[in-house]
Amino acid sequence: MVIEFLTLLLFLIFFALAYEVIKKIMPLLLNSIAGLIIFWIFSLFNIAQVKVDLLSILIVAFGGIPGVVFVLILHWLGIAF
């Protein structure tokens, strides 16, 4: 009986911690996905002729929408991409 109670308690603690981590990470994940979609749309319709390579995708994936703006500014200034 004690083992079942401790297992249930351990599961509830794990579930509560996982919920808190997911709650904190979700806005960052959504921002990254939105940034990648915007970058893909810009590349698809040739709005900006940014070279799609590993570095630009990583900047957009980690930066999200501000990452897209950063890559576009670097492209329009002729510094990179």
C-alpha atoms as a PDB file:
ATOM      1  CA  MET A   1       0.000   0.000   0.000  1.00  0.00           C
ATOM      2  CA  VAL A   2       2.832   2.379   0.811  1.00  0.00           C
ATOM      3  CA  ILE A   3       4.605   1.641  -2.479  1.00  0.00           C
ATOM      4  CA  GLU A   4       1.479   2.462  -4.481  1.00  0.00           C
ATOM      5  CA  PHE A   5       1.039   5.731  -2.597  1.00  0.00           C
ATOM      6  CA  LEU A   6       4.672   6.713  -3.150  1.00  0.00           C
ATOM      7  CA  THR A   7       4.408   5.824  -6.845  1.00  0.00           C
ATOM      8  CA  LEU A   8       1.278   7.946  -7.192  1.00  0.00           C
ATOM      9  CA  LEU A   9       2.944  10.821  -5.344  1.00  0.00           C
ATOM     10  CA  LEU A  10       6.043  10.572  -7.550  1.00  0.00           C
ATOM     11  CA  PHE A  11       3.864  10.564 -10.672  1.00  0.00           C
ATOM     12  CA  LEU A  12       1.966  13.655  -9.514  1.00  0.00           C
ATOM     13  CA  ILE A  13       5.206  15.508  -8.776  1.00  0.00           C
ATOM     14  CA  PHE A  14       6.598  14.551 -12.197  1.00  0.00           C
ATOM     15  CA  PHE A  15       3.368  15.612 -13.897  1.00  0.00           C
ATOM     16  CA  ALA A  16       3.341  18.977 -12.102  1.00  0.00           C
ATOM     17  CA  LEU A  17       6.964  19.662 -13.055  1.00  0.00           C
ATOM     18  CA  ALA A  18       6.385  18.634 -16.670  1.00  0.00           C
ATOM     19  CA  TYR A  19       3.338  20.908 -16.851  1.00  0.00           C
ATOM     20  CA  GLU A  20       5.321  23.888 -15.566  1.00  0.00           C
ATOM     21  CA  VAL A  21       8.152  23.274 -18.040  1.00  0.00           C
ATOM     22  CA  ILE A  22       5.754  22.951 -20.980  1.00  0.00           C
ATOM     23  CA  LYS A  23       3.874  26.064 -19.872  1.00  0.00           C
ATOM     24  CA  LYS A  24       7.129  28.065 -19.927  1.00  0.00           C
ATOM     25  CA  ILE A  25       8.422  26.619 -23.225  1.00  0.00           C
ATOM     26  CA  MET A  26       5.187  26.844 -25.256  1.00  0.00           C
ATOM     27  CA  PRO A  27       5.394  30.594 -26.119  1.00  0.00           C
ATOM     28  CA  LEU A  28       8.982  30.136 -27.311  1.00  0.00           C
ATOM     29  CA  LEU A  29       8.006  27.151 -29.408  1.00  0.00           C
ATOM     30  CA  LEU A  30       5.068  28.986 -30.978  1.00  0.00           C
ATOM     31  CA  ASN A  31       7.292  31.991 -31.734  1.00  0.00           C
ATOM     32  CA  SER A  32       9.823  29.732 -33.451  1.00  0.00           C
ATOM     33  CA  ILE A  33       7.153  28.000 -35.504  1.00  0.00           C
ATOM     34  CA  ALA A  34       5.617  31.338 -36.517  1.00  0.00           C
ATOM     35  CA  GLY A  35       9.052  32.639 -37.521  1.00  0.00           C
ATOM     36  CA  LEU A  36       9.764  29.572 -39.648  1.00  0.00           C
ATOM     37  CA  ILE A  37       6.369  29.859 -41.358  1.00  0.00           C
ATOM     38  CA  ILE A  38       6.919  33.561 -42.112  1.00  0.00           C
ATOM     39  CA  PHE A  39      10.419  32.832 -43.425  1.00  0.00           C
ATOM     40  CA  TRP A  40       9.042  30.038 -45.590  1.00  0.00           C
ATOM     41  CA  ILE A  41       6.314  32.327 -47.005  1.00  0.00           C
ATOM     42  CA  PHE A  42       8.906  35.032 -47.785  1.00  0.00           C
ATOM     43  CA  SER A  43      11.026  32.452 -49.596  1.00  0.00           C
ATOM     44  CA  LEU A  44       8.066  30.861 -51.368  1.00  0.00           C
ATOM     45  CA  PHE A  45       6.711  34.080 -52.865  1.00  0.00           C
ATOM     46  CA  ASN A  46      10.152  35.690 -53.404  1.00  0.00           C
ATOM     47  CA  ILE A  47       9.246  38.640 -51.199  1.00  0.00           C
ATOM     48  CA  ALA A  48      12.903  38.739 -50.200  1.00  0.00           C
ATOM     49  CA  GLN A  49      15.459  36.725 -52.097  1.00  0.00           C
ATOM     50  CA  VAL A  50      17.162  35.520 -48.954  1.00  0.00           C
ATOM     51  CA  LYS A  51      19.354  32.491 -49.437  1.00  0.00           C
ATOM     52  CA  VAL A  52      17.819  29.677 -47.415  1.00  0.00           C
ATOM     53  CA  ASP A  53      20.685  27.816 -45.805  1.00  0.00           C
ATOM     54  CA  LEU A  54      21.380  26.168 -42.484  1.00  0.00           C
ATOM     55  CA  LEU A  55      22.559  29.363 -40.774  1.00  0.00           C
ATOM     56  CA  SER A  56      19.542  31.456 -41.744  1.00  0.00           C
ATOM     57  CA  ILE A  57      17.140  28.679 -40.743  1.00  0.00           C
ATOM     58  CA  LEU A  58      18.874  28.269 -37.375  1.00  0.00           C
ATOM     59  CA  ILE A  59      18.706  32.021 -36.715  1.00  0.00           C
ATOM     60  CA  VAL A  60      14.996  32.028 -37.544  1.00  0.00           C
ATOM     61  CA  ALA A  61      14.316  28.846 -35.560  1.00  0.00           C
ATOM     62  CA  PHE A  62      16.013  30.151 -32.427  1.00  0.00           C
ATOM     63  CA  GLY A  63      14.927  33.764 -32.863  1.00  0.00           C
ATOM     64  CA  GLY A  64      11.382  33.284 -34.107  1.00  0.00           C
ATOM     65  CA  ILE A  65       9.772  36.390 -35.574  1.00  0.00           C
ATOM     66  CA  PRO A  66      12.602  38.697 -34.389  1.00  0.00           C
ATOM     67  CA  GLY A  67      14.987  36.236 -36.059  1.00  0.00           C
ATOM     68  CA  VAL A  68      13.150  36.704 -39.366  1.00  0.00           C
ATOM     69  CA  VAL A  69      13.434  40.476 -38.997  1.00  0.00           C
ATOM     70  CA  PHE A  70      17.140  40.129 -38.180  1.00  0.00           C
ATOM     71  CA  VAL A  71      17.833  37.928 -41.231  1.00  0.00           C
ATOM     72  CA  LEU A  72      15.863  40.273 -43.500  1.00  0.00           C
ATOM     73  CA  ILE A  73      17.698  43.356 -42.206  1.00  0.00           C
ATOM     74  CA  LEU A  74      21.066  41.656 -42.728  1.00  0.00           C
ATOM     75  CA  HIS A  75      19.984  40.679 -46.242  1.00  0.00           C
ATOM     76  CA  TRP A  76      18.688  44.133 -47.191  1.00  0.00           C
ATOM     77  CA  LEU A  77      21.840  45.801 -45.834  1.00  0.00           C
ATOM     78  CA  GLY A  78      23.957  43.400 -47.880  1.00  0.00           C
ATOM     79  CA  ILE A  79      25.838  42.099 -44.857  1.00  0.00           C
ATOM     80  CA  ALA A  80      24.806  38.455 -45.092  1.00  0.00           C
ATOM     81  CA  PHE A  81      22.492  36.037 -46.871  1.00  0.00           C
END
